[in-house]
Amino acid sequence: MEHGSPKSARIYANGYHMGRTPGEPSEHITTTIVAWLKEQLR
């Protein structure tokens, strides 16, 4: 994140790798990633 072209990041306070939060349904992170990808492709 420190070098190179502009980037974006989403930080989940209680999340693990890829934002996976313990006890949260796996579908939640999938829908979040898909929504982010759609926005990037606009």
C-alpha atoms as a PDB file:
ATOM      1  CA  MET A   1       0.000   0.000   0.000  1.00  0.00           C
ATOM      2  CA  GLU A   2       2.965   2.338   0.384  1.00  0.00           C
ATOM      3  CA  HIS A   3       4.253   2.393  -3.197  1.00  0.00           C
ATOM      4  CA  GLY A   4       2.966   2.313  -6.735  1.00  0.00           C
ATOM      5  CA  SER A   5      -0.272   3.382  -8.347  1.00  0.00           C
ATOM      6  CA  PRO A   6      -3.326   4.433  -6.302  1.00  0.00           C
ATOM      7  CA  LYS A   7      -4.964   1.642  -4.336  1.00  0.00           C
ATOM      8  CA  SER A   8      -8.001   1.121  -2.185  1.00  0.00           C
ATOM      9  CA  ALA A   9      -8.368  -0.932   0.974  1.00  0.00           C
ATOM     10  CA  ARG A  10     -11.178  -1.850   3.306  1.00  0.00           C
ATOM     11  CA  ILE A  11     -10.211  -2.581   6.893  1.00  0.00           C
ATOM     12  CA  TYR A  12     -12.469  -4.597   9.177  1.00  0.00           C
ATOM     13  CA  ALA A  13     -11.659  -3.951  12.825  1.00  0.00           C
ATOM     14  CA  ASN A  14     -12.529  -7.496  13.921  1.00  0.00           C
ATOM     15  CA  GLY A  15     -11.807  -9.172  10.609  1.00  0.00           C
ATOM     16  CA  TYR A  16      -9.188 -11.632   9.598  1.00  0.00           C
ATOM     17  CA  HIS A  17      -7.748 -12.243   6.129  1.00  0.00           C
ATOM     18  CA  MET A  18     -10.043 -10.793   3.442  1.00  0.00           C
ATOM     19  CA  GLY A  19     -12.202  -9.244   6.178  1.00  0.00           C
ATOM     20  CA  ARG A  20     -13.641 -12.518   7.388  1.00  0.00           C
ATOM     21  CA  THR A  21     -15.091 -11.843  10.859  1.00  0.00           C
ATOM     22  CA  PRO A  22     -15.584 -14.825  13.178  1.00  0.00           C
ATOM     23  CA  GLY A  23     -19.260 -15.805  13.451  1.00  0.00           C
ATOM     24  CA  GLU A  24     -20.271 -13.846  10.365  1.00  0.00           C
ATOM     25  CA  PRO A  25     -21.892 -15.774   7.495  1.00  0.00           C
ATOM     26  CA  SER A  26     -19.503 -16.406   4.604  1.00  0.00           C
ATOM     27  CA  GLU A  27     -22.097 -14.953   2.219  1.00  0.00           C
ATOM     28  CA  HIS A  28     -21.581 -11.504   3.753  1.00  0.00           C
ATOM     29  CA  ILE A  29     -17.959 -11.201   2.665  1.00  0.00           C
ATOM     30  CA  THR A  30     -18.816 -12.641  -0.755  1.00  0.00           C
ATOM     31  CA  THR A  31     -21.510 -10.024  -1.373  1.00  0.00           C
ATOM     32  CA  THR A  32     -19.181  -7.284  -0.114  1.00  0.00           C
ATOM     33  CA  ILE A  33     -16.409  -8.355  -2.502  1.00  0.00           C
ATOM     34  CA  VAL A  34     -18.788  -8.673  -5.454  1.00  0.00           C
ATOM     35  CA  ALA A  35     -20.212  -5.198  -4.801  1.00  0.00           C
ATOM     36  CA  TRP A  36     -16.688  -3.765  -4.619  1.00  0.00           C
ATOM     37  CA  LEU A  37     -15.679  -5.477  -7.876  1.00  0.00           C
ATOM     38  CA  LYS A  38     -18.764  -4.138  -9.663  1.00  0.00           C
ATOM     39  CA  GLU A  39     -17.902  -0.620  -8.518  1.00  0.00           C
ATOM     40  CA  GLN A  40     -14.310  -0.989  -9.747  1.00  0.00           C
ATOM     41  CA  LEU A  41     -15.478  -2.094 -13.193  1.00  0.00           C
ATOM     42  CA  ARG A  42     -17.745   0.915 -13.747  1.00  0.00           C
END
